[in-house]
PDB file of N, CA and C in Angstrom:
ATOM      1  N   MET A   1      -1.848 -11.210 -25.277  1.00  0.00           N
ATOM      2  CA  MET A   1      -1.898 -11.566 -26.672  1.00  0.00           C
ATOM      3  C   MET A   1      -3.317 -11.994 -27.026  1.00  0.00           C
ATOM      4  N   GLU A   2      -4.206 -11.096 -26.883  1.00  0.00           N
ATOM      5  CA  GLU A   2      -5.606 -11.375 -27.099  1.00  0.00           C
ATOM      6  C   GLU A   2      -6.029 -10.797 -28.436  1.00  0.00           C
ATOM      7  N   GLU A   3      -6.823 -11.552 -29.154  1.00  0.00           N
ATOM      8  CA  GLU A   3      -7.332 -11.071 -30.431  1.00  0.00           C
ATOM      9  C   GLU A   3      -8.746 -10.585 -30.195  1.00  0.00           C
ATOM     10  N   THR A   4      -9.049  -9.394 -30.706  1.00  0.00           N
ATOM     11  CA  THR A   4     -10.376  -8.846 -30.533  1.00  0.00           C
ATOM     12  C   THR A   4     -10.933  -8.438 -31.880  1.00  0.00           C
ATOM     13  N   THR A   5     -12.245  -8.332 -31.934  1.00  0.00           N
ATOM     14  CA  THR A   5     -12.894  -7.910 -33.161  1.00  0.00           C
ATOM     15  C   THR A   5     -13.692  -6.651 -32.863  1.00  0.00           C
ATOM     16  N   CYS A   6     -13.524  -5.619 -33.671  1.00  0.00           N
ATOM     17  CA  CYS A   6     -14.289  -4.394 -33.469  1.00  0.00           C
ATOM     18  C   CYS A   6     -15.590  -4.471 -34.265  1.00  0.00           C
ATOM     19  N   THR A   7     -16.434  -3.498 -34.114  1.00  0.00           N
ATOM     20  CA  THR A   7     -17.730  -3.523 -34.779  1.00  0.00           C
ATOM     21  C   THR A   7     -17.637  -3.413 -36.289  1.00  0.00           C
ATOM     22  N   CYS A   8     -16.497  -2.987 -36.808  1.00  0.00           N
ATOM     23  CA  CYS A   8     -16.342  -2.853 -38.254  1.00  0.00           C
ATOM     24  C   CYS A   8     -15.771  -4.127 -38.877  1.00  0.00           C
ATOM     25  N   CYS A   9     -15.702  -5.197 -38.126  1.00  0.00           N
ATOM     26  CA  CYS A   9     -15.280  -6.522 -38.598  1.00  0.00           C
ATOM     27  C   CYS A   9     -13.790  -6.628 -38.919  1.00  0.00           C
ATOM     28  N   HIS A  10     -12.973  -5.754 -38.429  1.00  0.00           N
ATOM     29  CA  HIS A  10     -11.519  -5.859 -38.605  1.00  0.00           C
ATOM     30  C   HIS A  10     -10.936  -6.438 -37.334  1.00  0.00           C
ATOM     31  N   LYS A  11     -10.115  -7.467 -37.490  1.00  0.00           N
ATOM     32  CA  LYS A  11      -9.476  -8.070 -36.332  1.00  0.00           C
ATOM     33  C   LYS A  11      -8.235  -7.283 -35.975  1.00  0.00           C
ATOM     34  N   THR A  12      -7.897  -7.300 -34.714  1.00  0.00           N
ATOM     35  CA  THR A  12      -6.660  -6.686 -34.248  1.00  0.00           C
ATOM     36  C   THR A  12      -5.964  -7.691 -33.343  1.00  0.00           C
ATOM     37  N   LYS A  13      -4.700  -7.432 -33.042  1.00  0.00           N
ATOM     38  CA  LYS A  13      -3.946  -8.314 -32.163  1.00  0.00           C
ATOM     39  C   LYS A  13      -3.081  -7.481 -31.240  1.00  0.00           C
ATOM     40  N   GLU A  14      -3.177  -7.775 -29.975  1.00  0.00           N
ATOM     41  CA  GLU A  14      -2.290  -7.136 -29.014  1.00  0.00           C
ATOM     42  C   GLU A  14      -0.994  -7.931 -28.999  1.00  0.00           C
ATOM     43  N   ARG A  15       0.104  -7.267 -29.300  1.00  0.00           N
ATOM     44  CA  ARG A  15       1.411  -7.922 -29.338  1.00  0.00           C
ATOM     45  C   ARG A  15       2.183  -7.623 -28.068  1.00  0.00           C
ATOM     46  N   SER A  16       2.989  -8.587 -27.668  1.00  0.00           N
ATOM     47  CA  SER A  16       3.871  -8.342 -26.529  1.00  0.00           C
ATOM     48  C   SER A  16       4.877  -7.272 -26.947  1.00  0.00           C
ATOM     49  N   GLN A  17       5.450  -6.616 -25.972  1.00  0.00           N
ATOM     50  CA  GLN A  17       6.449  -5.583 -26.258  1.00  0.00           C
ATOM     51  C   GLN A  17       7.636  -6.193 -27.001  1.00  0.00           C
ATOM     52  N   GLU A  18       8.016  -7.413 -26.625  1.00  0.00           N
ATOM     53  CA  GLU A  18       9.141  -8.095 -27.271  1.00  0.00           C
ATOM     54  C   GLU A  18       8.833  -8.383 -28.742  1.00  0.00           C
ATOM     55  N   GLU A  19       7.635  -8.897 -29.018  1.00  0.00           N
ATOM     56  CA  GLU A  19       7.250  -9.187 -30.405  1.00  0.00           C
ATOM     57  C   GLU A  19       7.202  -7.906 -31.223  1.00  0.00           C
ATOM     58  N   TYR A  20       6.580  -6.877 -30.673  1.00  0.00           N
ATOM     59  CA  TYR A  20       6.469  -5.599 -31.372  1.00  0.00           C
ATOM     60  C   TYR A  20       7.851  -5.040 -31.696  1.00  0.00           C
ATOM     61  N   LYS A  21       8.744  -5.061 -30.713  1.00  0.00           N
ATOM     62  CA  LYS A  21      10.077  -4.490 -30.902  1.00  0.00           C
ATOM     63  C   LYS A  21      10.864  -5.266 -31.960  1.00  0.00           C
ATOM     64  N   SER A  22      10.753  -6.591 -31.941  1.00  0.00           N
ATOM     65  CA  SER A  22      11.455  -7.414 -32.921  1.00  0.00           C
ATOM     66  C   SER A  22      10.960  -7.120 -34.337  1.00  0.00           C
ATOM     67  N   LEU A  23       9.653  -7.059 -34.507  1.00  0.00           N
ATOM     68  CA  LEU A  23       9.093  -6.774 -35.834  1.00  0.00           C
ATOM     69  C   LEU A  23       9.436  -5.352 -36.276  1.00  0.00           C
ATOM     70  N   GLN A  24       9.353  -4.420 -35.357  1.00  0.00           N
ATOM     71  CA  GLN A  24       9.674  -3.021 -35.674  1.00  0.00           C
ATOM     72  C   GLN A  24      11.136  -2.886 -36.091  1.00  0.00           C
ATOM     73  N   ASN A  25      12.036  -3.579 -35.404  1.00  0.00           N
ATOM     74  CA  ASN A  25      13.459  -3.533 -35.760  1.00  0.00           C
ATOM     75  C   ASN A  25      13.690  -4.083 -37.160  1.00  0.00           C
ATOM     76  N   ARG A  26      13.022  -5.179 -37.491  1.00  0.00           N
ATOM     77  CA  ARG A  26      13.150  -5.744 -38.839  1.00  0.00           C
ATOM     78  C   ARG A  26      12.666  -4.737 -39.885  1.00  0.00           C
ATOM     79  N   LEU A  27      11.519  -4.108 -39.633  1.00  0.00           N
ATOM     80  CA  LEU A  27      10.995  -3.127 -40.592  1.00  0.00           C
ATOM     81  C   LEU A  27      11.923  -1.930 -40.728  1.00  0.00           C
ATOM     82  N   ASN A  28      12.514  -1.507 -39.639  1.00  0.00           N
ATOM     83  CA  ASN A  28      13.460  -0.382 -39.703  1.00  0.00           C
ATOM     84  C   ASN A  28      14.657  -0.725 -40.582  1.00  0.00           C
ATOM     85  N   ARG A  29      15.169  -1.962 -40.442  1.00  0.00           N
ATOM     86  CA  ARG A  29      16.297  -2.383 -41.282  1.00  0.00           C
ATOM     87  C   ARG A  29      15.883  -2.447 -42.749  1.00  0.00           C
ATOM     88  N   ILE A  30      14.692  -2.964 -43.014  1.00  0.00           N
ATOM     89  CA  ILE A  30      14.195  -3.056 -44.395  1.00  0.00           C
ATOM     90  C   ILE A  30      14.035  -1.659 -44.987  1.00  0.00           C
ATOM     91  N   GLU A  31      13.493  -0.761 -44.199  1.00  0.00           N
ATOM     92  CA  GLU A  31      13.331   0.621 -44.646  1.00  0.00           C
ATOM     93  C   GLU A  31      14.690   1.232 -45.002  1.00  0.00           C
ATOM     94  N   GLY A  32      15.699   0.958 -44.194  1.00  0.00           N
ATOM     95  CA  GLY A  32      17.046   1.441 -44.479  1.00  0.00           C
ATOM     96  C   GLY A  32      17.601   0.837 -45.759  1.00  0.00           C
ATOM     97  N   GLN A  33      17.318  -0.460 -45.973  1.00  0.00           N
ATOM     98  CA  GLN A  33      17.773  -1.103 -47.209  1.00  0.00           C
ATOM     99  C   GLN A  33      17.130  -0.449 -48.430  1.00  0.00           C
ATOM    100  N   VAL A  34      15.840  -0.166 -48.348  1.00  0.00           N
ATOM    101  CA  VAL A  34      15.137   0.445 -49.479  1.00  0.00           C
ATOM    102  C   VAL A  34      15.669   1.856 -49.737  1.00  0.00           C
ATOM    103  N   ARG A  35      15.932   2.601 -48.674  1.00  0.00           N
ATOM    104  CA  ARG A  35      16.534   3.932 -48.858  1.00  0.00           C
ATOM    105  C   ARG A  35      17.909   3.810 -49.518  1.00  0.00           C
ATOM    106  N   GLY A  36      18.668   2.788 -49.127  1.00  0.00           N
ATOM    107  CA  GLY A  36      19.975   2.551 -49.731  1.00  0.00           C
ATOM    108  C   GLY A  36      19.859   2.233 -51.218  1.00  0.00           C
ATOM    109  N   ILE A  37      18.849   1.472 -51.585  1.00  0.00           N
ATOM    110  CA  ILE A  37      18.616   1.153 -53.003  1.00  0.00           C
ATOM    111  C   ILE A  37      18.284   2.425 -53.774  1.00  0.00           C
ATOM    112  N   ARG A  38      17.433   3.264 -53.202  1.00  0.00           N
ATOM    113  CA  ARG A  38      17.093   4.535 -53.853  1.00  0.00           C
ATOM    114  C   ARG A  38      18.343   5.384 -54.036  1.00  0.00           C
ATOM    115  N   ASN A  39      19.192   5.402 -53.022  1.00  0.00           N
ATOM    116  CA  ASN A  39      20.433   6.172 -53.080  1.00  0.00           C
ATOM    117  C   ASN A  39      21.354   5.635 -54.175  1.00  0.00           C
ATOM    118  N   MET A  40      21.439   4.298 -54.276  1.00  0.00           N
ATOM    119  CA  MET A  40      22.258   3.693 -55.326  1.00  0.00           C
ATOM    120  C   MET A  40      21.742   4.101 -56.705  1.00  0.00           C
ATOM    121  N   LEU A  41      20.428   4.106 -56.874  1.00  0.00           N
ATOM    122  CA  LEU A  41      19.821   4.493 -58.148  1.00  0.00           C
ATOM    123  C   LEU A  41      20.145   5.950 -58.468  1.00  0.00           C
ATOM    124  N   GLU A  42      20.012   6.807 -57.462  1.00  0.00           N
ATOM    125  CA  GLU A  42      20.300   8.239 -57.658  1.00  0.00           C
ATOM    126  C   GLU A  42      21.767   8.475 -58.020  1.00  0.00           C
ATOM    127  N   LYS A  43      22.646   7.603 -57.545  1.00  0.00           N
ATOM    128  CA  LYS A  43      24.083   7.747 -57.824  1.00  0.00           C
ATOM    129  C   LYS A  43      24.518   6.920 -59.026  1.00  0.00           C
ATOM    130  N   ASP A  44      23.541   6.469 -59.812  1.00  0.00           N
ATOM    131  CA  ASP A  44      23.819   5.709 -61.039  1.00  0.00           C
ATOM    132  C   ASP A  44      24.684   4.474 -60.787  1.00  0.00           C
ATOM    133  N   ALA A  45      24.384   3.751 -59.725  1.00  0.00           N
ATOM    134  CA  ALA A  45      25.129   2.523 -59.420  1.00  0.00           C
ATOM    135  C   ALA A  45      24.901   1.495 -60.525  1.00  0.00           C
ATOM    136  N   TYR A  46      25.813   0.586 -60.631  1.00  0.00           N
ATOM    137  CA  TYR A  46      25.767  -0.482 -61.625  1.00  0.00           C
ATOM    138  C   TYR A  46      24.571  -1.393 -61.333  1.00  0.00           C
ATOM    139  N   CYS A  47      23.826  -1.736 -62.385  1.00  0.00           N
ATOM    140  CA  CYS A  47      22.573  -2.496 -62.244  1.00  0.00           C
ATOM    141  C   CYS A  47      22.705  -3.766 -61.392  1.00  0.00           C
ATOM    142  N   PRO A  48      23.698  -4.616 -61.657  1.00  0.00           N
ATOM    143  CA  PRO A  48      23.802  -5.830 -60.829  1.00  0.00           C
ATOM    144  C   PRO A  48      24.006  -5.525 -59.339  1.00  0.00           C
ATOM    145  N   ASP A  49      24.693  -4.445 -59.026  1.00  0.00           N
ATOM    146  CA  ASP A  49      24.883  -4.075 -57.623  1.00  0.00           C
ATOM    147  C   ASP A  49      23.550  -3.702 -56.973  1.00  0.00           C
ATOM    148  N   ILE A  50      22.720  -2.982 -57.712  1.00  0.00           N
ATOM    149  CA  ILE A  50      21.389  -2.616 -57.210  1.00  0.00           C
ATOM    150  C   ILE A  50      20.537  -3.874 -57.052  1.00  0.00           C
ATOM    151  N   LEU A  51      20.596  -4.751 -58.051  1.00  0.00           N
ATOM    152  CA  LEU A  51      19.790  -5.973 -57.998  1.00  0.00           C
ATOM    153  C   LEU A  51      20.147  -6.847 -56.799  1.00  0.00           C
ATOM    154  N   VAL A  52      21.403  -6.912 -56.438  1.00  0.00           N
ATOM    155  CA  VAL A  52      21.817  -7.673 -55.256  1.00  0.00           C
ATOM    156  C   VAL A  52      21.167  -7.083 -54.006  1.00  0.00           C
ATOM    157  N   GLN A  53      21.134  -5.762 -53.927  1.00  0.00           N
ATOM    158  CA  GLN A  53      20.514  -5.114 -52.768  1.00  0.00           C
ATOM    159  C   GLN A  53      18.997  -5.302 -52.760  1.00  0.00           C
ATOM    160  N   VAL A  54      18.384  -5.299 -53.940  1.00  0.00           N
ATOM    161  CA  VAL A  54      16.942  -5.558 -54.034  1.00  0.00           C
ATOM    162  C   VAL A  54      16.639  -6.974 -53.545  1.00  0.00           C
ATOM    163  N   ALA A  55      17.479  -7.934 -53.944  1.00  0.00           N
ATOM    164  CA  ALA A  55      17.298  -9.319 -53.487  1.00  0.00           C
ATOM    165  C   ALA A  55      17.436  -9.409 -51.969  1.00  0.00           C
ATOM    166  N   ALA A  56      18.384  -8.680 -51.406  1.00  0.00           N
ATOM    167  CA  ALA A  56      18.577  -8.679 -49.956  1.00  0.00           C
ATOM    168  C   ALA A  56      17.361  -8.090 -49.241  1.00  0.00           C
ATOM    169  N   ALA A  57      16.797  -7.015 -49.793  1.00  0.00           N
ATOM    170  CA  ALA A  57      15.605  -6.411 -49.202  1.00  0.00           C
ATOM    171  C   ALA A  57      14.417  -7.375 -49.298  1.00  0.00           C
ATOM    172  N   GLY A  58      14.306  -8.066 -50.420  1.00  0.00           N
ATOM    173  CA  GLY A  58      13.243  -9.057 -50.579  1.00  0.00           C
ATOM    174  C   GLY A  58      13.374 -10.188 -49.574  1.00  0.00           C
ATOM    175  N   ALA A  59      14.599 -10.650 -49.363  1.00  0.00           N
ATOM    176  CA  ALA A  59      14.844 -11.705 -48.377  1.00  0.00           C
ATOM    177  C   ALA A  59      14.497 -11.214 -46.966  1.00  0.00           C
ATOM    178  N   ALA A  60      14.804  -9.969 -46.684  1.00  0.00           N
ATOM    179  CA  ALA A  60      14.487  -9.401 -45.372  1.00  0.00           C
ATOM    180  C   ALA A  60      12.974  -9.323 -45.175  1.00  0.00           C
ATOM    181  N   LEU A  61      12.239  -8.944 -46.214  1.00  0.00           N
ATOM    182  CA  LEU A  61      10.777  -8.928 -46.122  1.00  0.00           C
ATOM    183  C   LEU A  61      10.229 -10.338 -45.917  1.00  0.00           C
ATOM    184  N   ASN A  62      10.809 -11.321 -46.604  1.00  0.00           N
ATOM    185  CA  ASN A  62      10.385 -12.700 -46.406  1.00  0.00           C
ATOM    186  C   ASN A  62      10.628 -13.151 -44.965  1.00  0.00           C
ATOM    187  N   SER A  63      11.756 -12.770 -44.399  1.00  0.00           N
ATOM    188  CA  SER A  63      12.055 -13.111 -43.005  1.00  0.00           C
ATOM    189  C   SER A  63      11.055 -12.456 -42.061  1.00  0.00           C
ATOM    190  N   PHE A  64      10.701 -11.214 -42.338  1.00  0.00           N
ATOM    191  CA  PHE A  64       9.685 -10.515 -41.545  1.00  0.00           C
ATOM    192  C   PHE A  64       8.372 -11.290 -41.606  1.00  0.00           C
ATOM    193  N   SER A  65       7.974 -11.687 -42.816  1.00  0.00           N
ATOM    194  CA  SER A  65       6.720 -12.429 -42.993  1.00  0.00           C
ATOM    195  C   SER A  65       6.746 -13.753 -42.236  1.00  0.00           C
ATOM    196  N   LYS A  66       7.864 -14.455 -42.286  1.00  0.00           N
ATOM    197  CA  LYS A  66       7.983 -15.737 -41.574  1.00  0.00           C
ATOM    198  C   LYS A  66       7.834 -15.547 -40.073  1.00  0.00           C
ATOM    199  N   GLU A  67       8.480 -14.521 -39.544  1.00  0.00           N
ATOM    200  CA  GLU A  67       8.381 -14.259 -38.102  1.00  0.00           C
ATOM    201  C   GLU A  67       6.955 -13.902 -37.716  1.00  0.00           C
ATOM    202  N   LEU A  68       6.324 -13.033 -38.510  1.00  0.00           N
ATOM    203  CA  LEU A  68       4.956 -12.622 -38.227  1.00  0.00           C
ATOM    204  C   LEU A  68       3.999 -13.812 -38.319  1.00  0.00           C
ATOM    205  N   LEU A  69       4.168 -14.645 -39.337  1.00  0.00           N
ATOM    206  CA  LEU A  69       3.315 -15.826 -39.500  1.00  0.00           C
ATOM    207  C   LEU A  69       3.508 -16.800 -38.346  1.00  0.00           C
ATOM    208  N   ALA A  70       4.738 -17.037 -37.945  1.00  0.00           N
ATOM    209  CA  ALA A  70       4.997 -17.943 -36.821  1.00  0.00           C
ATOM    210  C   ALA A  70       4.341 -17.433 -35.541  1.00  0.00           C
ATOM    211  N   ASN A  71       4.470 -16.136 -35.286  1.00  0.00           N
ATOM    212  CA  ASN A  71       3.824 -15.547 -34.105  1.00  0.00           C
ATOM    213  C   ASN A  71       2.309 -15.692 -34.193  1.00  0.00           C
ATOM    214  N   HIS A  72       1.765 -15.487 -35.384  1.00  0.00           N
ATOM    215  CA  HIS A  72       0.318 -15.595 -35.587  1.00  0.00           C
ATOM    216  C   HIS A  72      -0.162 -17.020 -35.289  1.00  0.00           C
ATOM    217  N   ILE A  73       0.568 -17.997 -35.785  1.00  0.00           N
ATOM    218  CA  ILE A  73       0.182 -19.397 -35.564  1.00  0.00           C
ATOM    219  C   ILE A  73       0.268 -19.737 -34.076  1.00  0.00           C
ATOM    220  N   ARG A  74       1.350 -19.309 -33.429  1.00  0.00           N
ATOM    221  CA  ARG A  74       1.538 -19.632 -32.009  1.00  0.00           C
ATOM    222  C   ARG A  74       0.510 -18.974 -31.098  1.00  0.00           C
ATOM    223  N   THR A  75      -0.012 -17.836 -31.507  1.00  0.00           N
ATOM    224  CA  THR A  75      -0.931 -17.096 -30.632  1.00  0.00           C
ATOM    225  C   THR A  75      -2.362 -17.176 -31.150  1.00  0.00           C
ATOM    226  N   CYS A  76      -2.669 -16.400 -32.147  1.00  0.00           N
ATOM    227  CA  CYS A  76      -4.048 -16.279 -32.635  1.00  0.00           C
ATOM    228  C   CYS A  76      -4.629 -17.617 -33.083  1.00  0.00           C
ATOM    229  N   VAL A  77      -3.911 -18.318 -33.943  1.00  0.00           N
ATOM    230  CA  VAL A  77      -4.427 -19.571 -34.496  1.00  0.00           C
ATOM    231  C   VAL A  77      -4.581 -20.610 -33.383  1.00  0.00           C
ATOM    232  N   ALA A  78      -3.547 -20.766 -32.565  1.00  0.00           N
ATOM    233  CA  ALA A  78      -3.619 -21.749 -31.478  1.00  0.00           C
ATOM    234  C   ALA A  78      -4.768 -21.439 -30.521  1.00  0.00           C
ATOM    235  N   ASN A  79      -4.920 -20.180 -30.151  1.00  0.00           N
ATOM    236  CA  ASN A  79      -6.001 -19.788 -29.242  1.00  0.00           C
ATOM    237  C   ASN A  79      -7.372 -20.040 -29.861  1.00  0.00           C
ATOM    238  N   ASP A  80      -7.529 -19.707 -31.138  1.00  0.00           N
ATOM    239  CA  ASP A  80      -8.817 -19.921 -31.799  1.00  0.00           C
ATOM    240  C   ASP A  80      -9.159 -21.404 -31.904  1.00  0.00           C
ATOM    241  N   ILE A  81      -8.171 -22.223 -32.230  1.00  0.00           N
ATOM    242  CA  ILE A  81      -8.422 -23.664 -32.336  1.00  0.00           C
ATOM    243  C   ILE A  81      -8.809 -24.218 -30.965  1.00  0.00           C
ATOM    244  N   ARG A  82      -8.107 -23.796 -29.931  1.00  0.00           N
ATOM    245  CA  ARG A  82      -8.448 -24.242 -28.569  1.00  0.00           C
ATOM    246  C   ARG A  82      -9.860 -23.809 -28.186  1.00  0.00           C
ATOM    247  N   SER A  83     -10.309 -22.673 -28.736  1.00  0.00           N
ATOM    248  CA  SER A  83     -11.652 -22.160 -28.445  1.00  0.00           C
ATOM    249  C   SER A  83     -12.708 -22.756 -29.362  1.00  0.00           C
ATOM    250  N   GLY A  84     -12.302 -23.637 -30.259  1.00  0.00           N
ATOM    251  CA  GLY A  84     -13.262 -24.272 -31.157  1.00  0.00           C
ATOM    252  C   GLY A  84     -13.564 -23.491 -32.419  1.00  0.00           C
ATOM    253  N   LYS A  85     -12.789 -22.469 -32.712  1.00  0.00           N
ATOM    254  CA  LYS A  85     -13.012 -21.647 -33.913  1.00  0.00           C
ATOM    255  C   LYS A  85     -12.220 -22.241 -35.079  1.00  0.00           C
ATOM    256  N   ASP A  86     -12.727 -23.333 -35.614  1.00  0.00           N
ATOM    257  CA  ASP A  86     -12.020 -24.042 -36.683  1.00  0.00           C
ATOM    258  C   ASP A  86     -11.931 -23.249 -37.984  1.00  0.00           C
ATOM    259  N   GLU A  87     -12.761 -22.223 -38.162  1.00  0.00           N
ATOM    260  CA  GLU A  87     -12.691 -21.412 -39.379  1.00  0.00           C
ATOM    261  C   GLU A  87     -11.344 -20.690 -39.491  1.00  0.00           C
ATOM    262  N   THR A  88     -10.650 -20.576 -38.378  1.00  0.00           N
ATOM    263  CA  THR A  88      -9.329 -19.963 -38.383  1.00  0.00           C
ATOM    264  C   THR A  88      -8.356 -20.774 -39.223  1.00  0.00           C
ATOM    265  N   ILE A  89      -8.554 -22.075 -39.300  1.00  0.00           N
ATOM    266  CA  ILE A  89      -7.695 -22.927 -40.123  1.00  0.00           C
ATOM    267  C   ILE A  89      -7.849 -22.544 -41.587  1.00  0.00           C
ATOM    268  N   ASP A  90      -9.095 -22.324 -42.030  1.00  0.00           N
ATOM    269  CA  ASP A  90      -9.321 -21.900 -43.416  1.00  0.00           C
ATOM    270  C   ASP A  90      -8.672 -20.550 -43.686  1.00  0.00           C
ATOM    271  N   GLU A  91      -8.765 -19.648 -42.729  1.00  0.00           N
ATOM    272  CA  GLU A  91      -8.133 -18.334 -42.871  1.00  0.00           C
ATOM    273  C   GLU A  91      -6.619 -18.482 -42.980  1.00  0.00           C
ATOM    274  N   LEU A  92      -6.033 -19.362 -42.165  1.00  0.00           N
ATOM    275  CA  LEU A  92      -4.596 -19.592 -42.203  1.00  0.00           C
ATOM    276  C   LEU A  92      -4.174 -20.184 -43.543  1.00  0.00           C
ATOM    277  N   VAL A  93      -4.922 -21.156 -44.033  1.00  0.00           N
ATOM    278  CA  VAL A  93      -4.613 -21.762 -45.337  1.00  0.00           C
ATOM    279  C   VAL A  93      -4.665 -20.701 -46.432  1.00  0.00           C
ATOM    280  N   ALA A  94      -5.695 -19.855 -46.426  1.00  0.00           N
ATOM    281  CA  ALA A  94      -5.816 -18.792 -47.433  1.00  0.00           C
ATOM    282  C   ALA A  94      -4.645 -17.821 -47.340  1.00  0.00           C
ATOM    283  N   THR A  95      -4.234 -17.501 -46.127  1.00  0.00           N
ATOM    284  CA  THR A  95      -3.099 -16.590 -45.931  1.00  0.00           C
ATOM    285  C   THR A  95      -1.817 -17.197 -46.480  1.00  0.00           C
ATOM    286  N   ILE A  96      -1.576 -18.457 -46.173  1.00  0.00           N
ATOM    287  CA  ILE A  96      -0.374 -19.131 -46.672  1.00  0.00           C
ATOM    288  C   ILE A  96      -0.380 -19.203 -48.196  1.00  0.00           C
ATOM    289  N   GLN A  97      -1.563 -19.471 -48.769  1.00  0.00           N
ATOM    290  CA  GLN A  97      -1.653 -19.527 -50.238  1.00  0.00           C
ATOM    291  C   GLN A  97      -1.313 -18.167 -50.855  1.00  0.00           C
ATOM    292  N   LYS A  98      -1.756 -17.076 -50.246  1.00  0.00           N
ATOM    293  CA  LYS A  98      -1.424 -15.746 -50.731  1.00  0.00           C
ATOM    294  C   LYS A  98       0.080 -15.470 -50.631  1.00  0.00           C
ATOM    295  N   LEU A  99       0.677 -15.947 -49.547  1.00  0.00           N
ATOM    296  CA  LEU A  99       2.116 -15.726 -49.356  1.00  0.00           C
ATOM    297  C   LEU A  99       2.956 -16.495 -50.350  1.00  0.00           C
ATOM    298  N   MET A 100       2.413 -17.597 -50.868  1.00  0.00           N
ATOM    299  CA  MET A 100       3.194 -18.450 -51.766  1.00  0.00           C
ATOM    300  C   MET A 100       3.008 -18.102 -53.231  1.00  0.00           C
ATOM    301  N   ARG A 101       2.315 -17.034 -53.544  1.00  0.00           N
ATOM    302  CA  ARG A 101       2.122 -16.616 -54.938  1.00  0.00           C
ATOM    303  C   ARG A 101       3.396 -16.137 -55.549  1.00  0.00           C
TER     304      ARG A 101
END
């Protein structure tokens, strides 16, 4: 779980197979929910029924974000703070502020 920086200034993160699989499974379910919403729209489903599914997809995306953020804090942020890279705290605060919009 090492964070590296390439010459183009984009950070990357090596994820454990378990973390990757968990996040991928969540995205697959979300993708299925969105396809289901499209299908409901194509079949002229009742608006409130579609809206309930949209809310469920939104909640699933929020859960994905929470899991990803928790993993980020436990790995990247913790490692950077231990290494004395306090600027990571500012990056984390900015990220959380964006998520709370």
